[in-house]
Amino acid sequence: MMPYVGCFEDKEERDLPNLLKKSSSLDVEKDCFKAGIDQGFTYVGLQNGDECWGGNEIGKHGKKP
């Protein structure tokens, strides 16, 4: 399982630019983590509770307080 590293700001130019899954019934471990690992991404993130995004770098917009 990927470790939790916190919440980060989001902008139009995303840290995690690859939409992996979108579903109202996402399971973070089963759906997001698996999709990120299967596609070779270092990081995955959940947005709006129904979107899973992946990428290899995070933090360019800073952490959320």
C-alpha atoms as a PDB file:
ATOM      1  CA  MET A   1       0.000   0.000   0.000  1.00  0.00           C
ATOM      2  CA  MET A   2       1.206   3.517  -0.770  1.00  0.00           C
ATOM      3  CA  PRO A   3       1.856   5.686   2.307  1.00  0.00           C
ATOM      4  CA  TYR A   4      -0.306   8.738   2.998  1.00  0.00           C
ATOM      5  CA  VAL A   5       1.687  11.960   2.444  1.00  0.00           C
ATOM      6  CA  GLY A   6      -1.005  14.591   3.030  1.00  0.00           C
ATOM      7  CA  CYS A   7      -3.343  16.942   1.209  1.00  0.00           C
ATOM      8  CA  PHE A   8      -2.035  19.273  -1.479  1.00  0.00           C
ATOM      9  CA  GLU A   9      -3.307  22.332  -3.321  1.00  0.00           C
ATOM     10  CA  ASP A  10      -4.758  21.772  -6.779  1.00  0.00           C
ATOM     11  CA  LYS A  11      -4.502  24.121  -9.741  1.00  0.00           C
ATOM     12  CA  GLU A  12      -5.307  23.865 -13.438  1.00  0.00           C
ATOM     13  CA  GLU A  13      -1.761  22.557 -14.032  1.00  0.00           C
ATOM     14  CA  ARG A  14      -2.121  19.471 -11.842  1.00  0.00           C
ATOM     15  CA  ASP A  15       0.546  17.714  -9.798  1.00  0.00           C
ATOM     16  CA  LEU A  16      -1.233  14.467 -10.638  1.00  0.00           C
ATOM     17  CA  PRO A  17      -2.245  14.961 -14.288  1.00  0.00           C
ATOM     18  CA  ASN A  18      -3.547  11.483 -15.141  1.00  0.00           C
ATOM     19  CA  LEU A  19      -7.176  10.602 -14.410  1.00  0.00           C
ATOM     20  CA  LEU A  20      -7.095   6.935 -13.434  1.00  0.00           C
ATOM     21  CA  LYS A  21     -10.706   6.303 -12.425  1.00  0.00           C
ATOM     22  CA  LYS A  22     -13.937   8.177 -11.804  1.00  0.00           C
ATOM     23  CA  SER A  23     -16.752   6.514  -9.902  1.00  0.00           C
ATOM     24  CA  SER A  24     -19.164   7.354  -7.117  1.00  0.00           C
ATOM     25  CA  SER A  25     -18.124   4.119  -5.396  1.00  0.00           C
ATOM     26  CA  LEU A  26     -14.305   4.370  -5.432  1.00  0.00           C
ATOM     27  CA  ASP A  27     -12.379   2.301  -2.919  1.00  0.00           C
ATOM     28  CA  VAL A  28      -9.076   4.129  -2.387  1.00  0.00           C
ATOM     29  CA  GLU A  29      -6.959   1.016  -1.862  1.00  0.00           C
ATOM     30  CA  LYS A  30      -8.684  -1.332  -4.286  1.00  0.00           C
ATOM     31  CA  ASP A  31      -9.310   1.169  -7.093  1.00  0.00           C
ATOM     32  CA  CYS A  32      -6.911   4.125  -6.794  1.00  0.00           C
ATOM     33  CA  PHE A  33      -3.788   2.477  -5.385  1.00  0.00           C
ATOM     34  CA  LYS A  34      -4.106  -0.522  -7.697  1.00  0.00           C
ATOM     35  CA  ALA A  35      -4.633   1.659 -10.789  1.00  0.00           C
ATOM     36  CA  GLY A  36      -1.646   3.841  -9.861  1.00  0.00           C
ATOM     37  CA  ILE A  37       0.636   0.868  -9.282  1.00  0.00           C
ATOM     38  CA  ASP A  38      -0.579  -0.910 -12.433  1.00  0.00           C
ATOM     39  CA  GLN A  39       0.174   2.211 -14.507  1.00  0.00           C
ATOM     40  CA  GLY A  40       3.577   2.814 -12.879  1.00  0.00           C
ATOM     41  CA  PHE A  41       2.817   6.037 -10.995  1.00  0.00           C
ATOM     42  CA  THR A  42       4.596   7.011  -7.788  1.00  0.00           C
ATOM     43  CA  TYR A  43       1.636   8.954  -6.343  1.00  0.00           C
ATOM     44  CA  VAL A  44      -2.139   8.761  -6.479  1.00  0.00           C
ATOM     45  CA  GLY A  45      -4.702  11.154  -5.102  1.00  0.00           C
ATOM     46  CA  LEU A  46      -8.419  11.269  -4.520  1.00  0.00           C
ATOM     47  CA  GLN A  47     -10.342  14.387  -5.516  1.00  0.00           C
ATOM     48  CA  ASN A  48     -13.999  15.206  -4.862  1.00  0.00           C
ATOM     49  CA  GLY A  49     -14.465  11.711  -3.432  1.00  0.00           C
ATOM     50  CA  ASP A  50     -15.059  10.226  -6.876  1.00  0.00           C
ATOM     51  CA  GLU A  51     -11.917  10.905  -8.946  1.00  0.00           C
ATOM     52  CA  CYS A  52      -8.590   9.117  -8.685  1.00  0.00           C
ATOM     53  CA  TRP A  53      -5.548  10.855 -10.229  1.00  0.00           C
ATOM     54  CA  GLY A  54      -1.968   9.644 -10.687  1.00  0.00           C
ATOM     55  CA  GLY A  55       1.479  11.095 -11.356  1.00  0.00           C
ATOM     56  CA  ASN A  56       5.131  10.976 -10.377  1.00  0.00           C
ATOM     57  CA  GLU A  57       5.654  14.342  -8.656  1.00  0.00           C
ATOM     58  CA  ILE A  58       3.726  16.220  -5.982  1.00  0.00           C
ATOM     59  CA  GLY A  59       3.946  19.502  -4.135  1.00  0.00           C
ATOM     60  CA  LYS A  60       4.493  22.139  -6.820  1.00  0.00           C
ATOM     61  CA  HIS A  61       1.492  24.117  -5.483  1.00  0.00           C
ATOM     62  CA  GLY A  62       2.197  23.404  -1.811  1.00  0.00           C
ATOM     63  CA  LYS A  63       0.454  21.468   0.919  1.00  0.00           C
ATOM     64  CA  LYS A  64      -3.000  22.395   2.145  1.00  0.00           C
ATOM     65  CA  PRO A  65      -2.944  23.835   5.652  1.00  0.00           C
END
